[in-house]
Amino acid sequence: MTADTRGTMIIRWIARIWGSLSLVFMLVFVVAHLWAAITGKGEPIGRFNSTSEMVSFIFFPVSIMI
């Protein structure tokens, strides 16, 4: 195994781990939001105050998780 191949493998594993941690982090926020909505302590599900909030929600957590 050459040094270039080994370095590439290390970078790929770091990217996989980092991506998995990011996904878990986003899922924690989504689950917490859903839990608050279900128990009645938060905002209702799917209710946005403005169009910019809806666009921000689509682009930040949803697109990252996809």
PDB file of N, CA and C in Angstrom:
ATOM      1  N   MET A   1       0.851  -1.170   0.000  1.00  0.00           N
ATOM      2  CA  MET A   1       0.000   0.000   0.000  1.00  0.00           C
ATOM      3  C   MET A   1       0.900   1.236   0.000  1.00  0.00           C
ATOM      4  N   THR A   2       0.667   2.133  -0.912  1.00  0.00           N
ATOM      5  CA  THR A   2       1.492   3.333  -0.998  1.00  0.00           C
ATOM      6  C   THR A   2       1.003   4.376   0.000  1.00  0.00           C
ATOM      7  N   ALA A   3       1.866   5.360   0.225  1.00  0.00           N
ATOM      8  CA  ALA A   3       1.529   6.424   1.176  1.00  0.00           C
ATOM      9  C   ALA A   3       0.330   7.231   0.673  1.00  0.00           C
ATOM     10  N   ASP A   4       0.241   7.426  -0.648  1.00  0.00           N
ATOM     11  CA  ASP A   4      -0.871   8.182  -1.218  1.00  0.00           C
ATOM     12  C   ASP A   4      -2.195   7.456  -0.993  1.00  0.00           C
ATOM     13  N   THR A   5      -2.204   6.163  -1.184  1.00  0.00           N
ATOM     14  CA  THR A   5      -3.412   5.378  -0.995  1.00  0.00           C
ATOM     15  C   THR A   5      -3.809   5.352   0.479  1.00  0.00           C
ATOM     16  N   ARG A   6      -2.825   5.219   1.350  1.00  0.00           N
ATOM     17  CA  ARG A   6      -3.120   5.195   2.782  1.00  0.00           C
ATOM     18  C   ARG A   6      -3.667   6.542   3.255  1.00  0.00           C
ATOM     19  N   GLY A   7      -3.077   7.616   2.779  1.00  0.00           N
ATOM     20  CA  GLY A   7      -3.566   8.961   3.128  1.00  0.00           C
ATOM     21  C   GLY A   7      -4.983   9.187   2.629  1.00  0.00           C
ATOM     22  N   THR A   8      -5.275   8.702   1.445  1.00  0.00           N
ATOM     23  CA  THR A   8      -6.614   8.825   0.888  1.00  0.00           C
ATOM     24  C   THR A   8      -7.614   8.035   1.717  1.00  0.00           C
ATOM     25  N   MET A   9      -7.238   6.852   2.140  1.00  0.00           N
ATOM     26  CA  MET A   9      -8.133   6.038   2.967  1.00  0.00           C
ATOM     27  C   MET A   9      -8.411   6.711   4.313  1.00  0.00           C
ATOM     28  N   ILE A  10      -7.388   7.306   4.898  1.00  0.00           N
ATOM     29  CA  ILE A  10      -7.574   7.990   6.181  1.00  0.00           C
ATOM     30  C   ILE A  10      -8.533   9.165   6.024  1.00  0.00           C
ATOM     31  N   ILE A  11      -8.352   9.947   4.975  1.00  0.00           N
ATOM     32  CA  ILE A  11      -9.230  11.088   4.738  1.00  0.00           C
ATOM     33  C   ILE A  11     -10.666  10.625   4.493  1.00  0.00           C
ATOM     34  N   ARG A  12     -10.837   9.538   3.763  1.00  0.00           N
ATOM     35  CA  ARG A  12     -12.184   9.015   3.520  1.00  0.00           C
ATOM     36  C   ARG A  12     -12.854   8.568   4.807  1.00  0.00           C
ATOM     37  N   TRP A  13     -12.105   7.895   5.692  1.00  0.00           N
ATOM     38  CA  TRP A  13     -12.692   7.452   6.951  1.00  0.00           C
ATOM     39  C   TRP A  13     -13.041   8.635   7.850  1.00  0.00           C
ATOM     40  N   ILE A  14     -12.196   9.661   7.847  1.00  0.00           N
ATOM     41  CA  ILE A  14     -12.498  10.870   8.615  1.00  0.00           C
ATOM     42  C   ILE A  14     -13.782  11.510   8.084  1.00  0.00           C
ATOM     43  N   ALA A  15     -13.929  11.570   6.765  1.00  0.00           N
ATOM     44  CA  ALA A  15     -15.137  12.147   6.167  1.00  0.00           C
ATOM     45  C   ALA A  15     -16.378  11.326   6.513  1.00  0.00           C
ATOM     46  N   ARG A  16     -16.256  10.011   6.502  1.00  0.00           N
ATOM     47  CA  ARG A  16     -17.400   9.148   6.852  1.00  0.00           C
ATOM     48  C   ARG A  16     -17.819   9.359   8.309  1.00  0.00           C
ATOM     49  N   ILE A  17     -16.845   9.395   9.195  1.00  0.00           N
ATOM     50  CA  ILE A  17     -17.141   9.578  10.621  1.00  0.00           C
ATOM     51  C   ILE A  17     -17.745  10.960  10.860  1.00  0.00           C
ATOM     52  N   TRP A  18     -17.151  11.985  10.258  1.00  0.00           N
ATOM     53  CA  TRP A  18     -17.646  13.347  10.426  1.00  0.00           C
ATOM     54  C   TRP A  18     -19.068  13.484   9.866  1.00  0.00           C
ATOM     55  N   GLY A  19     -19.320  12.882   8.720  1.00  0.00           N
ATOM     56  CA  GLY A  19     -20.654  12.918   8.139  1.00  0.00           C
ATOM     57  C   GLY A  19     -21.676  12.206   9.005  1.00  0.00           C
ATOM     58  N   SER A  20     -21.290  11.079   9.575  1.00  0.00           N
ATOM     59  CA  SER A  20     -22.198  10.350  10.462  1.00  0.00           C
ATOM     60  C   SER A  20     -22.512  11.157  11.713  1.00  0.00           C
ATOM     61  N   LEU A  21     -21.510  11.798  12.290  1.00  0.00           N
ATOM     62  CA  LEU A  21     -21.738  12.624  13.466  1.00  0.00           C
ATOM     63  C   LEU A  21     -22.634  13.818  13.155  1.00  0.00           C
ATOM     64  N   SER A  22     -22.450  14.413  11.987  1.00  0.00           N
ATOM     65  CA  SER A  22     -23.306  15.530  11.578  1.00  0.00           C
ATOM     66  C   SER A  22     -24.750  15.078  11.422  1.00  0.00           C
ATOM     67  N   LEU A  23     -24.946  13.917  10.824  1.00  0.00           N
ATOM     68  CA  LEU A  23     -26.288  13.386  10.644  1.00  0.00           C
ATOM     69  C   LEU A  23     -26.956  13.115  11.985  1.00  0.00           C
ATOM     70  N   VAL A  24     -26.236  12.518  12.908  1.00  0.00           N
ATOM     71  CA  VAL A  24     -26.783  12.247  14.240  1.00  0.00           C
ATOM     72  C   VAL A  24     -27.129  13.557  14.950  1.00  0.00           C
ATOM     73  N   PHE A  25     -26.274  14.545  14.831  1.00  0.00           N
ATOM     74  CA  PHE A  25     -26.513  15.849  15.446  1.00  0.00           C
ATOM     75  C   PHE A  25     -27.798  16.481  14.915  1.00  0.00           C
ATOM     76  N   MET A  26     -27.993  16.458  13.609  1.00  0.00           N
ATOM     77  CA  MET A  26     -29.216  17.012  13.003  1.00  0.00           C
ATOM     78  C   MET A  26     -30.445  16.207  13.411  1.00  0.00           C
ATOM     79  N   LEU A  27     -30.327  14.901  13.457  1.00  0.00           N
ATOM     80  CA  LEU A  27     -31.462  14.061  13.848  1.00  0.00           C
ATOM     81  C   LEU A  27     -31.877  14.318  15.291  1.00  0.00           C
ATOM     82  N   VAL A  28     -30.924  14.609  16.162  1.00  0.00           N
ATOM     83  CA  VAL A  28     -31.249  14.931  17.554  1.00  0.00           C
ATOM     84  C   VAL A  28     -32.119  16.182  17.610  1.00  0.00           C
ATOM     85  N   PHE A  29     -31.775  17.196  16.816  1.00  0.00           N
ATOM     86  CA  PHE A  29     -32.578  18.412  16.790  1.00  0.00           C
ATOM     87  C   PHE A  29     -33.976  18.160  16.238  1.00  0.00           C
ATOM     88  N   VAL A  30     -34.074  17.393  15.180  1.00  0.00           N
ATOM     89  CA  VAL A  30     -35.382  17.111  14.582  1.00  0.00           C
ATOM     90  C   VAL A  30     -36.246  16.301  15.544  1.00  0.00           C
ATOM     91  N   VAL A  31     -35.671  15.291  16.168  1.00  0.00           N
ATOM     92  CA  VAL A  31     -36.426  14.472  17.112  1.00  0.00           C
ATOM     93  C   VAL A  31     -36.860  15.315  18.320  1.00  0.00           C
ATOM     94  N   ALA A  32     -36.000  16.189  18.803  1.00  0.00           N
ATOM     95  CA  ALA A  32     -36.367  17.054  19.930  1.00  0.00           C
ATOM     96  C   ALA A  32     -37.508  17.988  19.549  1.00  0.00           C
ATOM     97  N   HIS A  33     -37.464  18.522  18.335  1.00  0.00           N
ATOM     98  CA  HIS A  33     -38.540  19.397  17.868  1.00  0.00           C
ATOM     99  C   HIS A  33     -39.850  18.618  17.752  1.00  0.00           C
ATOM    100  N   LEU A  34     -39.799  17.429  17.197  1.00  0.00           N
ATOM    101  CA  LEU A  34     -41.001  16.611  17.071  1.00  0.00           C
ATOM    102  C   LEU A  34     -41.538  16.210  18.444  1.00  0.00           C
ATOM    103  N   TRP A  35     -40.647  15.856  19.360  1.00  0.00           N
ATOM    104  CA  TRP A  35     -41.077  15.467  20.703  1.00  0.00           C
ATOM    105  C   TRP A  35     -41.783  16.638  21.408  1.00  0.00           C
ATOM    106  N   ALA A  36     -41.235  17.841  21.268  1.00  0.00           N
ATOM    107  CA  ALA A  36     -41.863  19.011  21.883  1.00  0.00           C
ATOM    108  C   ALA A  36     -43.226  19.285  21.259  1.00  0.00           C
ATOM    109  N   ALA A  37     -43.355  19.082  19.960  1.00  0.00           N
ATOM    110  CA  ALA A  37     -44.637  19.304  19.294  1.00  0.00           C
ATOM    111  C   ALA A  37     -45.665  18.262  19.719  1.00  0.00           C
ATOM    112  N   ILE A  38     -45.232  17.025  19.874  1.00  0.00           N
ATOM    113  CA  ILE A  38     -46.158  15.946  20.256  1.00  0.00           C
ATOM    114  C   ILE A  38     -46.644  16.132  21.695  1.00  0.00           C
ATOM    115  N   THR A  39     -45.746  16.530  22.585  1.00  0.00           N
ATOM    116  CA  THR A  39     -46.132  16.690  23.987  1.00  0.00           C
ATOM    117  C   THR A  39     -46.827  18.023  24.267  1.00  0.00           C
ATOM    118  N   GLY A  40     -46.889  18.897  23.259  1.00  0.00           N
ATOM    119  CA  GLY A  40     -47.579  20.174  23.424  1.00  0.00           C
ATOM    120  C   GLY A  40     -46.743  21.271  24.041  1.00  0.00           C
ATOM    121  N   LYS A  41     -45.452  21.059  24.186  1.00  0.00           N
ATOM    122  CA  LYS A  41     -44.581  22.060  24.804  1.00  0.00           C
ATOM    123  C   LYS A  41     -43.897  22.954  23.772  1.00  0.00           C
ATOM    124  N   GLY A  42     -44.029  22.634  22.498  1.00  0.00           N
ATOM    125  CA  GLY A  42     -43.375  23.408  21.452  1.00  0.00           C
ATOM    126  C   GLY A  42     -44.365  23.858  20.404  1.00  0.00           C
ATOM    127  N   GLU A  43     -43.824  24.365  19.300  1.00  0.00           N
ATOM    128  CA  GLU A  43     -44.669  24.798  18.195  1.00  0.00           C
ATOM    129  C   GLU A  43     -45.266  23.592  17.490  1.00  0.00           C
ATOM    130  N   PRO A  44     -46.445  23.754  16.899  1.00  0.00           N
ATOM    131  CA  PRO A  44     -47.040  22.648  16.148  1.00  0.00           C
ATOM    132  C   PRO A  44     -46.163  22.248  14.957  1.00  0.00           C
ATOM    133  N   ILE A  45     -46.266  21.005  14.550  1.00  0.00           N
ATOM    134  CA  ILE A  45     -45.470  20.492  13.437  1.00  0.00           C
ATOM    135  C   ILE A  45     -45.915  21.153  12.144  1.00  0.00           C
ATOM    136  N   GLY A  46     -44.952  21.598  11.347  1.00  0.00           N
ATOM    137  CA  GLY A  46     -45.237  22.158  10.041  1.00  0.00           C
ATOM    138  C   GLY A  46     -45.729  23.586  10.048  1.00  0.00           C
ATOM    139  N   ARG A  47     -45.634  24.266  11.162  1.00  0.00           N
ATOM    140  CA  ARG A  47     -46.078  25.664  11.230  1.00  0.00           C
ATOM    141  C   ARG A  47     -44.871  26.573  11.150  1.00  0.00           C
ATOM    142  N   PHE A  48     -44.855  27.422  10.131  1.00  0.00           N
ATOM    143  CA  PHE A  48     -43.762  28.366   9.947  1.00  0.00           C
ATOM    144  C   PHE A  48     -44.318  29.775  10.008  1.00  0.00           C
ATOM    145  N   ASN A  49     -43.579  30.694  10.587  1.00  0.00           N
ATOM    146  CA  ASN A  49     -44.030  32.079  10.722  1.00  0.00           C
ATOM    147  C   ASN A  49     -43.859  32.880   9.441  1.00  0.00           C
ATOM    148  N   SER A  50     -42.937  32.463   8.583  1.00  0.00           N
ATOM    149  CA  SER A  50     -42.706  33.197   7.336  1.00  0.00           C
ATOM    150  C   SER A  50     -42.148  32.238   6.278  1.00  0.00           C
ATOM    151  N   THR A  51     -42.125  32.727   5.064  1.00  0.00           N
ATOM    152  CA  THR A  51     -41.575  31.931   3.966  1.00  0.00           C
ATOM    153  C   THR A  51     -40.078  31.718   4.149  1.00  0.00           C
ATOM    154  N   SER A  52     -39.391  32.729   4.677  1.00  0.00           N
ATOM    155  CA  SER A  52     -37.937  32.582   4.867  1.00  0.00           C
ATOM    156  C   SER A  52     -37.622  31.498   5.902  1.00  0.00           C
ATOM    157  N   GLU A  53     -38.474  31.331   6.928  1.00  0.00           N
ATOM    158  CA  GLU A  53     -38.283  30.239   7.883  1.00  0.00           C
ATOM    159  C   GLU A  53     -38.419  28.884   7.212  1.00  0.00           C
ATOM    160  N   MET A  54     -39.401  28.760   6.330  1.00  0.00           N
ATOM    161  CA  MET A  54     -39.617  27.493   5.640  1.00  0.00           C
ATOM    162  C   MET A  54     -38.442  27.180   4.717  1.00  0.00           C
ATOM    163  N   VAL A  55     -37.970  28.173   3.985  1.00  0.00           N
ATOM    164  CA  VAL A  55     -36.832  27.964   3.083  1.00  0.00           C
ATOM    165  C   VAL A  55     -35.580  27.606   3.889  1.00  0.00           C
ATOM    166  N   SER A  56     -35.367  28.287   5.006  1.00  0.00           N
ATOM    167  CA  SER A  56     -34.213  27.980   5.865  1.00  0.00           C
ATOM    168  C   SER A  56     -34.289  26.556   6.392  1.00  0.00           C
ATOM    169  N   PHE A  57     -35.484  26.125   6.786  1.00  0.00           N
ATOM    170  CA  PHE A  57     -35.656  24.769   7.295  1.00  0.00           C
ATOM    171  C   PHE A  57     -35.364  23.742   6.203  1.00  0.00           C
ATOM    172  N   ILE A  58     -35.818  24.012   4.988  1.00  0.00           N
ATOM    173  CA  ILE A  58     -35.587  23.069   3.888  1.00  0.00           C
ATOM    174  C   ILE A  58     -34.112  22.981   3.557  1.00  0.00           C
ATOM    175  N   PHE A  59     -33.426  24.117   3.526  1.00  0.00           N
ATOM    176  CA  PHE A  59     -32.023  24.110   3.123  1.00  0.00           C
ATOM    177  C   PHE A  59     -31.068  23.680   4.224  1.00  0.00           C
ATOM    178  N   PHE A  60     -31.369  23.991   5.491  1.00  0.00           N
ATOM    179  CA  PHE A  60     -30.389  23.624   6.512  1.00  0.00           C
ATOM    180  C   PHE A  60     -30.538  22.184   7.000  1.00  0.00           C
ATOM    181  N   PRO A  61     -31.499  21.832   7.813  1.00  0.00           N
ATOM    182  CA  PRO A  61     -31.446  20.453   8.317  1.00  0.00           C
ATOM    183  C   PRO A  61     -31.864  19.406   7.300  1.00  0.00           C
ATOM    184  N   VAL A  62     -32.856  19.715   6.484  1.00  0.00           N
ATOM    185  CA  VAL A  62     -33.359  18.698   5.555  1.00  0.00           C
ATOM    186  C   VAL A  62     -32.329  18.355   4.492  1.00  0.00           C
ATOM    187  N   SER A  63     -31.757  19.362   3.860  1.00  0.00           N
ATOM    188  CA  SER A  63     -30.786  19.075   2.787  1.00  0.00           C
ATOM    189  C   SER A  63     -29.514  18.429   3.328  1.00  0.00           C
ATOM    190  N   ILE A  64     -29.110  18.791   4.527  1.00  0.00           N
ATOM    191  CA  ILE A  64     -27.914  18.170   5.107  1.00  0.00           C
ATOM    192  C   ILE A  64     -28.164  16.691   5.396  1.00  0.00           C
ATOM    193  N   MET A  65     -29.348  16.367   5.903  1.00  0.00           N
ATOM    194  CA  MET A  65     -29.645  14.967   6.211  1.00  0.00           C
ATOM    195  C   MET A  65     -29.792  14.138   4.940  1.00  0.00           C
ATOM    196  N   ILE A  66     -30.277  14.746   3.874  1.00  0.00           N
ATOM    197  CA  ILE A  66     -30.404  14.001   2.611  1.00  0.00           C
ATOM    198  C   ILE A  66     -29.023  13.743   2.068  1.00  0.00           C
TER     199      ILE A  66
END
